[in-house]
Amino acid sequence: MNVIDEYLKPLSPDTRAALERLRKIGHDNIPGLKDDWGYGIPALKLGGKTVYGFAARKTGISLYPFSGEPIAILSEKLKDYKCSSGAIQIPLDKPISEELVKDIIVLRLAALKTK
C-alpha cells in the first residue's frame, strides 16, 4: 500500500471514489506518473515534479493544480465550482468532468516543461 492508498483508506466510500477517480484520470493520461505526497496532500508526480494533488474536504473534495494558471485559463469552464488561485472545490454530487481534468493536465504538463 502506498501513501495515497493509506490516505484514502479511512475516507467514506463516496469521498474515496471521487478521489480515486481523479487519481485514475491522471494515471490513464500521463505515462510514468507516480503516486506521492506533496504539500501535505496526495499528489501525482512526473519526474519528481507535481502535476496535481487532491484532498478530501468536509463538503466534497479539492483538486490542486499547484499553479493558478490552469484555474485562470479555464475559469469559464470552472464557473460552476468554487475556486481560489490554487484550488478547485468539487462537491461530491457535482463531479468535475474527465475532459476538464485532462485540460488541467495538459496545462500543467506544458508549464512543467518550461521550468
PDB file of N, CA and C in Angstrom:
ATOM      1  N   MET A   1       0.850  -1.186   0.000  1.00  0.00           N
ATOM      2  CA  MET A   1       0.000   0.000   0.000  1.00  0.00           C
ATOM      3  C   MET A   1       0.892   1.245   0.000  1.00  0.00           C
ATOM      4  N   ASN A   2       0.572   2.227  -0.859  1.00  0.00           N
ATOM      5  CA  ASN A   2       1.388   3.429  -0.903  1.00  0.00           C
ATOM      6  C   ASN A   2       0.734   4.562  -0.102  1.00  0.00           C
ATOM      7  N   VAL A   3       1.360   5.727  -0.129  1.00  0.00           N
ATOM      8  CA  VAL A   3       0.882   6.852   0.695  1.00  0.00           C
ATOM      9  C   VAL A   3      -0.536   7.288   0.336  1.00  0.00           C
ATOM     10  N   ILE A   4      -0.887   7.256  -0.938  1.00  0.00           N
ATOM     11  CA  ILE A   4      -2.239   7.658  -1.316  1.00  0.00           C
ATOM     12  C   ILE A   4      -3.252   6.610  -0.852  1.00  0.00           C
ATOM     13  N   ASP A   5      -2.921   5.339  -0.992  1.00  0.00           N
ATOM     14  CA  ASP A   5      -3.816   4.293  -0.503  1.00  0.00           C
ATOM     15  C   ASP A   5      -4.081   4.459   0.990  1.00  0.00           C
ATOM     16  N   GLU A   6      -3.038   4.770   1.742  1.00  0.00           N
ATOM     17  CA  GLU A   6      -3.184   4.982   3.185  1.00  0.00           C
ATOM     18  C   GLU A   6      -4.089   6.176   3.473  1.00  0.00           C
ATOM     19  N   TYR A   7      -3.952   7.229   2.709  1.00  0.00           N
ATOM     20  CA  TYR A   7      -4.779   8.425   2.878  1.00  0.00           C
ATOM     21  C   TYR A   7      -6.251   8.110   2.591  1.00  0.00           C
ATOM     22  N   LEU A   8      -6.500   7.346   1.541  1.00  0.00           N
ATOM     23  CA  LEU A   8      -7.864   7.050   1.109  1.00  0.00           C
ATOM     24  C   LEU A   8      -8.592   6.053   2.008  1.00  0.00           C
ATOM     25  N   LYS A   9      -7.838   5.196   2.639  1.00  0.00           N
ATOM     26  CA  LYS A   9      -8.405   4.082   3.407  1.00  0.00           C
ATOM     27  C   LYS A   9      -9.503   4.484   4.402  1.00  0.00           C
ATOM     28  N   PRO A  10      -9.320   5.500   5.253  1.00  0.00           N
ATOM     29  CA  PRO A  10     -10.349   5.805   6.251  1.00  0.00           C
ATOM     30  C   PRO A  10     -11.511   6.677   5.749  1.00  0.00           C
ATOM     31  N   LEU A  11     -11.466   7.114   4.505  1.00  0.00           N
ATOM     32  CA  LEU A  11     -12.483   8.024   3.995  1.00  0.00           C
ATOM     33  C   LEU A  11     -13.796   7.300   3.701  1.00  0.00           C
ATOM     34  N   SER A  12     -14.880   8.069   3.630  1.00  0.00           N
ATOM     35  CA  SER A  12     -16.178   7.485   3.274  1.00  0.00           C
ATOM     36  C   SER A  12     -16.093   6.931   1.859  1.00  0.00           C
ATOM     37  N   PRO A  13     -16.915   5.938   1.546  1.00  0.00           N
ATOM     38  CA  PRO A  13     -16.859   5.352   0.192  1.00  0.00           C
ATOM     39  C   PRO A  13     -17.057   6.380  -0.922  1.00  0.00           C
ATOM     40  N   ASP A  14     -17.968   7.342  -0.755  1.00  0.00           N
ATOM     41  CA  ASP A  14     -18.204   8.345  -1.794  1.00  0.00           C
ATOM     42  C   ASP A  14     -16.988   9.250  -1.997  1.00  0.00           C
ATOM     43  N   THR A  15     -16.400   9.693  -0.901  1.00  0.00           N
ATOM     44  CA  THR A  15     -15.226  10.560  -0.986  1.00  0.00           C
ATOM     45  C   THR A  15     -14.048   9.798  -1.577  1.00  0.00           C
ATOM     46  N   ARG A  16     -13.855   8.573  -1.111  1.00  0.00           N
ATOM     47  CA  ARG A  16     -12.759   7.744  -1.627  1.00  0.00           C
ATOM     48  C   ARG A  16     -12.930   7.535  -3.137  1.00  0.00           C
ATOM     49  N   ALA A  17     -14.146   7.230  -3.580  1.00  0.00           N
ATOM     50  CA  ALA A  17     -14.394   7.001  -5.011  1.00  0.00           C
ATOM     51  C   ALA A  17     -14.118   8.259  -5.834  1.00  0.00           C
ATOM     52  N   ALA A  18     -14.499   9.416  -5.328  1.00  0.00           N
ATOM     53  CA  ALA A  18     -14.262  10.669  -6.056  1.00  0.00           C
ATOM     54  C   ALA A  18     -12.767  10.947  -6.199  1.00  0.00           C
ATOM     55  N   LEU A  19     -12.005  10.695  -5.142  1.00  0.00           N
ATOM     56  CA  LEU A  19     -10.562  10.920  -5.199  1.00  0.00           C
ATOM     57  C   LEU A  19      -9.866   9.864  -6.050  1.00  0.00           C
ATOM     58  N   GLU A  20     -10.333   8.631  -5.959  1.00  0.00           N
ATOM     59  CA  GLU A  20      -9.765   7.562  -6.795  1.00  0.00           C
ATOM     60  C   GLU A  20      -9.977   7.886  -8.278  1.00  0.00           C
ATOM     61  N   ARG A  21     -11.102   8.494  -8.590  1.00  0.00           N
ATOM     62  CA  ARG A  21     -11.397   8.876  -9.970  1.00  0.00           C
ATOM     63  C   ARG A  21     -10.381   9.906 -10.468  1.00  0.00           C
ATOM     64  N   LEU A  22     -10.080  10.927  -9.645  1.00  0.00           N
ATOM     65  CA  LEU A  22      -9.075  11.925 -10.034  1.00  0.00           C
ATOM     66  C   LEU A  22      -7.709  11.264 -10.215  1.00  0.00           C
ATOM     67  N   ARG A  23      -7.391  10.350  -9.340  1.00  0.00           N
ATOM     68  CA  ARG A  23      -6.122   9.620  -9.417  1.00  0.00           C
ATOM     69  C   ARG A  23      -6.061   8.815 -10.715  1.00  0.00           C
ATOM     70  N   LYS A  24      -7.134   8.091 -11.026  1.00  0.00           N
ATOM     71  CA  LYS A  24      -7.178   7.247 -12.214  1.00  0.00           C
ATOM     72  C   LYS A  24      -7.081   8.074 -13.502  1.00  0.00           C
ATOM     73  N   ILE A  25      -7.760   9.200 -13.547  1.00  0.00           N
ATOM     74  CA  ILE A  25      -7.680  10.057 -14.739  1.00  0.00           C
ATOM     75  C   ILE A  25      -6.221  10.446 -14.989  1.00  0.00           C
ATOM     76  N   GLY A  26      -5.510  10.808 -13.938  1.00  0.00           N
ATOM     77  CA  GLY A  26      -4.099  11.150 -14.088  1.00  0.00           C
ATOM     78  C   GLY A  26      -3.282   9.988 -14.615  1.00  0.00           C
ATOM     79  N   HIS A  27      -3.430   8.828 -13.977  1.00  0.00           N
ATOM     80  CA  HIS A  27      -2.648   7.656 -14.392  1.00  0.00           C
ATOM     81  C   HIS A  27      -3.010   7.189 -15.802  1.00  0.00           C
ATOM     82  N   ASP A  28      -4.270   7.332 -16.185  1.00  0.00           N
ATOM     83  CA  ASP A  28      -4.691   6.916 -17.527  1.00  0.00           C
ATOM     84  C   ASP A  28      -4.165   7.844 -18.619  1.00  0.00           C
ATOM     85  N   ASN A  29      -3.805   9.067 -18.258  1.00  0.00           N
ATOM     86  CA  ASN A  29      -3.438  10.066 -19.262  1.00  0.00           C
ATOM     87  C   ASN A  29      -1.984  10.519 -19.219  1.00  0.00           C
ATOM     88  N   ILE A  30      -1.240  10.092 -18.215  1.00  0.00           N
ATOM     89  CA  ILE A  30       0.155  10.519 -18.101  1.00  0.00           C
ATOM     90  C   ILE A  30       1.035   9.293 -17.866  1.00  0.00           C
ATOM     91  N   PRO A  31       1.681   8.790 -18.902  1.00  0.00           N
ATOM     92  CA  PRO A  31       2.585   7.654 -18.720  1.00  0.00           C
ATOM     93  C   PRO A  31       3.709   8.006 -17.740  1.00  0.00           C
ATOM     94  N   GLY A  32       3.995   7.087 -16.848  1.00  0.00           N
ATOM     95  CA  GLY A  32       5.092   7.283 -15.904  1.00  0.00           C
ATOM     96  C   GLY A  32       4.724   8.071 -14.661  1.00  0.00           C
ATOM     97  N   LEU A  33       3.455   8.410 -14.504  1.00  0.00           N
ATOM     98  CA  LEU A  33       3.001   9.165 -13.336  1.00  0.00           C
ATOM     99  C   LEU A  33       3.173   8.329 -12.074  1.00  0.00           C
ATOM    100  N   LYS A  34       3.563   8.969 -10.982  1.00  0.00           N
ATOM    101  CA  LYS A  34       3.790   8.283  -9.698  1.00  0.00           C
ATOM    102  C   LYS A  34       2.917   8.883  -8.605  1.00  0.00           C
ATOM    103  N   ASP A  35       2.393   8.017  -7.755  1.00  0.00           N
ATOM    104  CA  ASP A  35       1.700   8.465  -6.547  1.00  0.00           C
ATOM    105  C   ASP A  35       2.740   8.960  -5.563  1.00  0.00           C
ATOM    106  N   ASP A  36       2.447  10.061  -4.900  1.00  0.00           N
ATOM    107  CA  ASP A  36       3.387  10.614  -3.931  1.00  0.00           C
ATOM    108  C   ASP A  36       2.623  11.497  -2.961  1.00  0.00           C
ATOM    109  N   TRP A  37       3.336  12.338  -2.301  1.00  0.00           N
ATOM    110  CA  TRP A  37       2.801  13.274  -1.322  1.00  0.00           C
ATOM    111  C   TRP A  37       3.434  14.618  -1.601  1.00  0.00           C
ATOM    112  N   GLY A  38       2.652  15.676  -1.563  1.00  0.00           N
ATOM    113  CA  GLY A  38       3.201  16.999  -1.790  1.00  0.00           C
ATOM    114  C   GLY A  38       2.396  18.046  -1.058  1.00  0.00           C
ATOM    115  N   TYR A  39       3.060  18.905  -0.361  1.00  0.00           N
ATOM    116  CA  TYR A  39       2.408  19.986   0.376  1.00  0.00           C
ATOM    117  C   TYR A  39       1.327  19.455   1.327  1.00  0.00           C
ATOM    118  N   GLY A  40       1.563  18.280   1.891  1.00  0.00           N
ATOM    119  CA  GLY A  40       0.670  17.709   2.886  1.00  0.00           C
ATOM    120  C   GLY A  40      -0.562  17.012   2.341  1.00  0.00           C
ATOM    121  N   ILE A  41      -0.613  16.774   1.034  1.00  0.00           N
ATOM    122  CA  ILE A  41      -1.760  16.085   0.436  1.00  0.00           C
ATOM    123  C   ILE A  41      -1.289  15.053  -0.590  1.00  0.00           C
ATOM    124  N   PRO A  42      -2.166  14.118  -0.971  1.00  0.00           N
ATOM    125  CA  PRO A  42      -1.807  13.188  -2.044  1.00  0.00           C
ATOM    126  C   PRO A  42      -1.514  13.966  -3.323  1.00  0.00           C
ATOM    127  N   ALA A  43      -0.471  13.551  -4.013  1.00  0.00           N
ATOM    128  CA  ALA A  43      -0.052  14.252  -5.225  1.00  0.00           C
ATOM    129  C   ALA A  43       0.387  13.248  -6.285  1.00  0.00           C
ATOM    130  N   LEU A  44       0.193  13.625  -7.522  1.00  0.00           N
ATOM    131  CA  LEU A  44       0.635  12.822  -8.652  1.00  0.00           C
ATOM    132  C   LEU A  44       1.813  13.539  -9.283  1.00  0.00           C
ATOM    133  N   LYS A  45       2.924  12.802  -9.396  1.00  0.00           N
ATOM    134  CA  LYS A  45       4.165  13.428  -9.865  1.00  0.00           C
ATOM    135  C   LYS A  45       4.713  12.728 -11.093  1.00  0.00           C
ATOM    136  N   LEU A  46       5.383  13.517 -11.894  1.00  0.00           N
ATOM    137  CA  LEU A  46       6.061  13.025 -13.084  1.00  0.00           C
ATOM    138  C   LEU A  46       7.479  13.556 -13.049  1.00  0.00           C
ATOM    139  N   GLY A  47       8.439  12.653 -13.037  1.00  0.00           N
ATOM    140  CA  GLY A  47       9.834  13.072 -12.982  1.00  0.00           C
ATOM    141  C   GLY A  47      10.143  13.909 -11.750  1.00  0.00           C
ATOM    142  N   GLY A  48       9.483  13.624 -10.643  1.00  0.00           N
ATOM    143  CA  GLY A  48       9.715  14.350  -9.398  1.00  0.00           C
ATOM    144  C   GLY A  48       8.980  15.677  -9.295  1.00  0.00           C
ATOM    145  N   LYS A  49       8.255  16.074 -10.340  1.00  0.00           N
ATOM    146  CA  LYS A  49       7.515  17.337 -10.327  1.00  0.00           C
ATOM    147  C   LYS A  49       6.020  17.060 -10.179  1.00  0.00           C
ATOM    148  N   THR A  50       5.368  17.823  -9.331  1.00  0.00           N
ATOM    149  CA  THR A  50       3.954  17.609  -9.066  1.00  0.00           C
ATOM    150  C   THR A  50       3.085  18.117 -10.209  1.00  0.00           C
ATOM    151  N   VAL A  51       2.249  17.230 -10.725  1.00  0.00           N
ATOM    152  CA  VAL A  51       1.288  17.605 -11.768  1.00  0.00           C
ATOM    153  C   VAL A  51       0.039  18.166 -11.092  1.00  0.00           C
ATOM    154  N   TYR A  52      -0.536  17.412 -10.165  1.00  0.00           N
ATOM    155  CA  TYR A  52      -1.640  17.921  -9.363  1.00  0.00           C
ATOM    156  C   TYR A  52      -1.819  17.087  -8.111  1.00  0.00           C
ATOM    157  N   GLY A  53      -2.520  17.667  -7.162  1.00  0.00           N
ATOM    158  CA  GLY A  53      -2.834  16.984  -5.923  1.00  0.00           C
ATOM    159  C   GLY A  53      -4.328  17.030  -5.691  1.00  0.00           C
ATOM    160  N   PHE A  54      -4.767  16.285  -4.687  1.00  0.00           N
ATOM    161  CA  PHE A  54      -6.187  16.252  -4.355  1.00  0.00           C
ATOM    162  C   PHE A  54      -6.349  15.902  -2.891  1.00  0.00           C
ATOM    163  N   ALA A  55      -7.493  16.284  -2.339  1.00  0.00           N
ATOM    164  CA  ALA A  55      -7.722  16.039  -0.919  1.00  0.00           C
ATOM    165  C   ALA A  55      -9.217  16.007  -0.616  1.00  0.00           C
ATOM    166  N   ALA A  56      -9.538  15.312   0.472  1.00  0.00           N
ATOM    167  CA  ALA A  56     -10.909  15.273   0.973  1.00  0.00           C
ATOM    168  C   ALA A  56     -11.167  16.537   1.776  1.00  0.00           C
ATOM    169  N   ARG A  57     -12.370  17.051   1.661  1.00  0.00           N
ATOM    170  CA  ARG A  57     -12.804  18.218   2.420  1.00  0.00           C
ATOM    171  C   ARG A  57     -14.162  17.908   3.036  1.00  0.00           C
ATOM    172  N   LYS A  58     -14.608  18.744   3.958  1.00  0.00           N
ATOM    173  CA  LYS A  58     -15.877  18.495   4.647  1.00  0.00           C
ATOM    174  C   LYS A  58     -17.053  18.376   3.684  1.00  0.00           C
ATOM    175  N   THR A  59     -17.087  19.194   2.674  1.00  0.00           N
ATOM    176  CA  THR A  59     -18.239  19.218   1.772  1.00  0.00           C
ATOM    177  C   THR A  59     -17.941  18.625   0.401  1.00  0.00           C
ATOM    178  N   GLY A  60     -16.861  17.925   0.249  1.00  0.00           N
ATOM    179  CA  GLY A  60     -16.512  17.334  -1.035  1.00  0.00           C
ATOM    180  C   GLY A  60     -15.029  17.058  -1.127  1.00  0.00           C
ATOM    181  N   ILE A  61     -14.469  17.364  -2.272  1.00  0.00           N
ATOM    182  CA  ILE A  61     -13.038  17.162  -2.490  1.00  0.00           C
ATOM    183  C   ILE A  61     -12.470  18.422  -3.138  1.00  0.00           C
ATOM    184  N   SER A  62     -11.159  18.520  -3.138  1.00  0.00           N
ATOM    185  CA  SER A  62     -10.490  19.634  -3.816  1.00  0.00           C
ATOM    186  C   SER A  62      -9.406  19.086  -4.725  1.00  0.00           C
ATOM    187  N   LEU A  63      -9.229  19.759  -5.847  1.00  0.00           N
ATOM    188  CA  LEU A  63      -8.181  19.465  -6.810  1.00  0.00           C
ATOM    189  C   LEU A  63      -7.224  20.644  -6.799  1.00  0.00           C
ATOM    190  N   TYR A  64      -5.928  20.347  -6.688  1.00  0.00           N
ATOM    191  CA  TYR A  64      -4.896  21.379  -6.597  1.00  0.00           C
ATOM    192  C   TYR A  64      -3.933  21.249  -7.772  1.00  0.00           C
ATOM    193  N   PRO A  65      -4.012  22.138  -8.754  1.00  0.00           N
ATOM    194  CA  PRO A  65      -3.082  22.077  -9.875  1.00  0.00           C
ATOM    195  C   PRO A  65      -1.678  22.603  -9.530  1.00  0.00           C
ATOM    196  N   PHE A  66      -1.485  23.063  -8.306  1.00  0.00           N
ATOM    197  CA  PHE A  66      -0.193  23.600  -7.851  1.00  0.00           C
ATOM    198  C   PHE A  66       0.300  24.739  -8.722  1.00  0.00           C
ATOM    199  N   SER A  67      -0.657  25.433  -9.313  1.00  0.00           N
ATOM    200  CA  SER A  67      -0.403  26.635 -10.098  1.00  0.00           C
ATOM    201  C   SER A  67      -1.757  27.291 -10.330  1.00  0.00           C
ATOM    202  N   GLY A  68      -1.788  28.596 -10.279  1.00  0.00           N
ATOM    203  CA  GLY A  68      -3.030  29.292 -10.555  1.00  0.00           C
ATOM    204  C   GLY A  68      -3.344  29.405 -12.036  1.00  0.00           C
ATOM    205  N   GLU A  69      -2.348  29.136 -12.863  1.00  0.00           N
ATOM    206  CA  GLU A  69      -2.512  29.307 -14.307  1.00  0.00           C
ATOM    207  C   GLU A  69      -3.657  28.472 -14.893  1.00  0.00           C
ATOM    208  N   PRO A  70      -3.729  27.145 -14.616  1.00  0.00           N
ATOM    209  CA  PRO A  70      -4.850  26.381 -15.178  1.00  0.00           C
ATOM    210  C   PRO A  70      -6.210  26.903 -14.723  1.00  0.00           C
ATOM    211  N   ILE A  71      -6.299  27.331 -13.476  1.00  0.00           N
ATOM    212  CA  ILE A  71      -7.571  27.832 -12.960  1.00  0.00           C
ATOM    213  C   ILE A  71      -7.948  29.130 -13.673  1.00  0.00           C
ATOM    214  N   ALA A  72      -6.984  29.998 -13.886  1.00  0.00           N
ATOM    215  CA  ALA A  72      -7.257  31.259 -14.587  1.00  0.00           C
ATOM    216  C   ALA A  72      -7.628  31.002 -16.045  1.00  0.00           C
ATOM    217  N   ILE A  73      -6.885  30.164 -16.721  1.00  0.00           N
ATOM    218  CA  ILE A  73      -7.132  29.887 -18.136  1.00  0.00           C
ATOM    219  C   ILE A  73      -8.481  29.198 -18.340  1.00  0.00           C
ATOM    220  N   LEU A  74      -8.830  28.312 -17.422  1.00  0.00           N
ATOM    221  CA  LEU A  74     -10.064  27.534 -17.563  1.00  0.00           C
ATOM    222  C   LEU A  74     -11.219  28.114 -16.749  1.00  0.00           C
ATOM    223  N   SER A  75     -11.112  29.369 -16.360  1.00  0.00           N
ATOM    224  CA  SER A  75     -12.110  29.962 -15.462  1.00  0.00           C
ATOM    225  C   SER A  75     -13.542  29.835 -15.981  1.00  0.00           C
ATOM    226  N   GLU A  76     -13.742  29.982 -17.265  1.00  0.00           N
ATOM    227  CA  GLU A  76     -15.099  29.860 -17.821  1.00  0.00           C
ATOM    228  C   GLU A  76     -15.635  28.436 -17.654  1.00  0.00           C
ATOM    229  N   LYS A  77     -14.787  27.447 -17.919  1.00  0.00           N
ATOM    230  CA  LYS A  77     -15.211  26.053 -17.758  1.00  0.00           C
ATOM    231  C   LYS A  77     -15.383  25.672 -16.289  1.00  0.00           C
ATOM    232  N   LEU A  78     -14.714  26.391 -15.400  1.00  0.00           N
ATOM    233  CA  LEU A  78     -14.768  26.103 -13.965  1.00  0.00           C
ATOM    234  C   LEU A  78     -15.804  26.948 -13.227  1.00  0.00           C
ATOM    235  N   LYS A  79     -16.608  27.696 -13.951  1.00  0.00           N
ATOM    236  CA  LYS A  79     -17.525  28.654 -13.310  1.00  0.00           C
ATOM    237  C   LYS A  79     -18.529  28.003 -12.357  1.00  0.00           C
ATOM    238  N   ASP A  80     -18.789  26.712 -12.500  1.00  0.00           N
ATOM    239  CA  ASP A  80     -19.737  26.028 -11.622  1.00  0.00           C
ATOM    240  C   ASP A  80     -19.105  25.539 -10.318  1.00  0.00           C
ATOM    241  N   TYR A  81     -17.803  25.787 -10.154  1.00  0.00           N
ATOM    242  CA  TYR A  81     -17.079  25.347  -8.962  1.00  0.00           C
ATOM    243  C   TYR A  81     -16.509  26.553  -8.229  1.00  0.00           C
ATOM    244  N   LYS A  82     -16.396  26.412  -6.928  1.00  0.00           N
ATOM    245  CA  LYS A  82     -15.740  27.447  -6.138  1.00  0.00           C
ATOM    246  C   LYS A  82     -14.235  27.246  -6.303  1.00  0.00           C
ATOM    247  N   CYS A  83     -13.557  28.295  -6.729  1.00  0.00           N
ATOM    248  CA  CYS A  83     -12.120  28.209  -6.979  1.00  0.00           C
ATOM    249  C   CYS A  83     -11.387  29.320  -6.247  1.00  0.00           C
ATOM    250  N   SER A  84     -10.191  28.999  -5.818  1.00  0.00           N
ATOM    251  CA  SER A  84      -9.268  30.015  -5.334  1.00  0.00           C
ATOM    252  C   SER A  84      -8.143  30.066  -6.355  1.00  0.00           C
ATOM    253  N   SER A  85      -7.097  30.793  -6.060  1.00  0.00           N
ATOM    254  CA  SER A  85      -5.998  30.867  -7.024  1.00  0.00           C
ATOM    255  C   SER A  85      -5.261  29.542  -7.178  1.00  0.00           C
ATOM    256  N   GLY A  86      -5.443  28.622  -6.228  1.00  0.00           N
ATOM    257  CA  GLY A  86      -4.705  27.360  -6.311  1.00  0.00           C
ATOM    258  C   GLY A  86      -5.518  26.108  -6.088  1.00  0.00           C
ATOM    259  N   ALA A  87      -6.840  26.220  -5.958  1.00  0.00           N
ATOM    260  CA  ALA A  87      -7.654  25.044  -5.672  1.00  0.00           C
ATOM    261  C   ALA A  87      -9.022  25.131  -6.330  1.00  0.00           C
ATOM    262  N   ILE A  88      -9.535  23.960  -6.651  1.00  0.00           N
ATOM    263  CA  ILE A  88     -10.881  23.833  -7.201  1.00  0.00           C
ATOM    264  C   ILE A  88     -11.666  22.967  -6.222  1.00  0.00           C
ATOM    265  N   GLN A  89     -12.734  23.503  -5.659  1.00  0.00           N
ATOM    266  CA  GLN A  89     -13.574  22.754  -4.731  1.00  0.00           C
ATOM    267  C   GLN A  89     -14.667  22.045  -5.520  1.00  0.00           C
ATOM    268  N   ILE A  90     -14.762  20.737  -5.303  1.00  0.00           N
ATOM    269  CA  ILE A  90     -15.672  19.911  -6.083  1.00  0.00           C
ATOM    270  C   ILE A  90     -16.645  19.193  -5.139  1.00  0.00           C
ATOM    271  N   PRO A  91     -17.922  19.552  -5.175  1.00  0.00           N
ATOM    272  CA  PRO A  91     -18.904  18.839  -4.356  1.00  0.00           C
ATOM    273  C   PRO A  91     -19.040  17.395  -4.851  1.00  0.00           C
ATOM    274  N   LEU A  92     -19.326  16.478  -3.931  1.00  0.00           N
ATOM    275  CA  LEU A  92     -19.460  15.072  -4.317  1.00  0.00           C
ATOM    276  C   LEU A  92     -20.607  14.850  -5.298  1.00  0.00           C
ATOM    277  N   ASP A  93     -21.629  15.676  -5.216  1.00  0.00           N
ATOM    278  CA  ASP A  93     -22.781  15.495  -6.107  1.00  0.00           C
ATOM    279  C   ASP A  93     -22.628  16.231  -7.442  1.00  0.00           C
ATOM    280  N   LYS A  94     -21.463  16.835  -7.669  1.00  0.00           N
ATOM    281  CA  LYS A  94     -21.215  17.554  -8.919  1.00  0.00           C
ATOM    282  C   LYS A  94     -19.772  17.313  -9.363  1.00  0.00           C
ATOM    283  N   PRO A  95     -19.470  16.069  -9.761  1.00  0.00           N
ATOM    284  CA  PRO A  95     -18.082  15.747 -10.126  1.00  0.00           C
ATOM    285  C   PRO A  95     -17.584  16.562 -11.309  1.00  0.00           C
ATOM    286  N   ILE A  96     -16.315  16.849 -11.289  1.00  0.00           N
ATOM    287  CA  ILE A  96     -15.674  17.552 -12.390  1.00  0.00           C
ATOM    288  C   ILE A  96     -15.557  16.584 -13.567  1.00  0.00           C
ATOM    289  N   SER A  97     -15.720  17.080 -14.772  1.00  0.00           N
ATOM    290  CA  SER A  97     -15.666  16.192 -15.943  1.00  0.00           C
ATOM    291  C   SER A  97     -14.237  15.707 -16.190  1.00  0.00           C
ATOM    292  N   GLU A  98     -14.159  14.533 -16.773  1.00  0.00           N
ATOM    293  CA  GLU A  98     -12.844  13.995 -17.127  1.00  0.00           C
ATOM    294  C   GLU A  98     -12.162  14.917 -18.136  1.00  0.00           C
ATOM    295  N   GLU A  99     -12.933  15.469 -19.048  1.00  0.00           N
ATOM    296  CA  GLU A  99     -12.388  16.391 -20.049  1.00  0.00           C
ATOM    297  C   GLU A  99     -11.720  17.595 -19.385  1.00  0.00           C
ATOM    298  N   LEU A 100     -12.346  18.135 -18.354  1.00  0.00           N
ATOM    299  CA  LEU A 100     -11.791  19.294 -17.662  1.00  0.00           C
ATOM    300  C   LEU A 100     -10.516  18.928 -16.899  1.00  0.00           C
ATOM    301  N   VAL A 101     -10.490  17.760 -16.295  1.00  0.00           N
ATOM    302  CA  VAL A 101      -9.263  17.309 -15.625  1.00  0.00           C
ATOM    303  C   VAL A 101      -8.153  17.135 -16.661  1.00  0.00           C
ATOM    304  N   LYS A 102      -8.489  16.597 -17.821  1.00  0.00           N
ATOM    305  CA  LYS A 102      -7.497  16.453 -18.892  1.00  0.00           C
ATOM    306  C   LYS A 102      -6.977  17.815 -19.349  1.00  0.00           C
ATOM    307  N   ASP A 103      -7.857  18.804 -19.422  1.00  0.00           N
ATOM    308  CA  ASP A 103      -7.420  20.163 -19.777  1.00  0.00           C
ATOM    309  C   ASP A 103      -6.414  20.685 -18.753  1.00  0.00           C
ATOM    310  N   ILE A 104      -6.681  20.440 -17.480  1.00  0.00           N
ATOM    311  CA  ILE A 104      -5.756  20.853 -16.414  1.00  0.00           C
ATOM    312  C   ILE A 104      -4.423  20.133 -16.574  1.00  0.00           C
ATOM    313  N   ILE A 105      -4.482  18.850 -16.871  1.00  0.00           N
ATOM    314  CA  ILE A 105      -3.257  18.060 -17.063  1.00  0.00           C
ATOM    315  C   ILE A 105      -2.420  18.641 -18.203  1.00  0.00           C
ATOM    316  N   VAL A 106      -3.042  18.944 -19.326  1.00  0.00           N
ATOM    317  CA  VAL A 106      -2.318  19.494 -20.482  1.00  0.00           C
ATOM    318  C   VAL A 106      -1.615  20.789 -20.102  1.00  0.00           C
ATOM    319  N   LEU A 107      -2.335  21.665 -19.403  1.00  0.00           N
ATOM    320  CA  LEU A 107      -1.735  22.941 -18.998  1.00  0.00           C
ATOM    321  C   LEU A 107      -0.603  22.741 -17.999  1.00  0.00           C
ATOM    322  N   ARG A 108      -0.777  21.833 -17.054  1.00  0.00           N
ATOM    323  CA  ARG A 108       0.285  21.593 -16.065  1.00  0.00           C
ATOM    324  C   ARG A 108       1.523  20.988 -16.714  1.00  0.00           C
ATOM    325  N   LEU A 109       1.326  20.021 -17.597  1.00  0.00           N
ATOM    326  CA  LEU A 109       2.482  19.409 -18.253  1.00  0.00           C
ATOM    327  C   LEU A 109       3.233  20.423 -19.095  1.00  0.00           C
ATOM    328  N   ALA A 110       2.522  21.296 -19.765  1.00  0.00           N
ATOM    329  CA  ALA A 110       3.174  22.344 -20.561  1.00  0.00           C
ATOM    330  C   ALA A 110       3.961  23.275 -19.647  1.00  0.00           C
ATOM    331  N   ALA A 111       3.394  23.641 -18.512  1.00  0.00           N
ATOM    332  CA  ALA A 111       4.092  24.529 -17.577  1.00  0.00           C
ATOM    333  C   ALA A 111       5.323  23.848 -16.994  1.00  0.00           C
ATOM    334  N   LEU A 112       5.226  22.567 -16.692  1.00  0.00           N
ATOM    335  CA  LEU A 112       6.368  21.849 -16.117  1.00  0.00           C
ATOM    336  C   LEU A 112       7.502  21.698 -17.124  1.00  0.00           C
ATOM    337  N   LYS A 113       7.173  21.594 -18.395  1.00  0.00           N
ATOM    338  CA  LYS A 113       8.210  21.505 -19.436  1.00  0.00           C
ATOM    339  C   LYS A 113       9.010  22.784 -19.565  1.00  0.00           C
ATOM    340  N   THR A 114       8.371  23.916 -19.291  1.00  0.00           N
ATOM    341  CA  THR A 114       9.066  25.191 -19.443  1.00  0.00           C
ATOM    342  C   THR A 114       9.903  25.544 -18.214  1.00  0.00           C
ATOM    343  N   LYS A 115       9.742  24.807 -17.140  1.00  0.00           N
ATOM    344  CA  LYS A 115      10.509  25.108 -15.917  1.00  0.00           C
ATOM    345  C   LYS A 115      11.887  24.518 -15.979  1.00  0.00           C
TER     346      LYS A 115
END
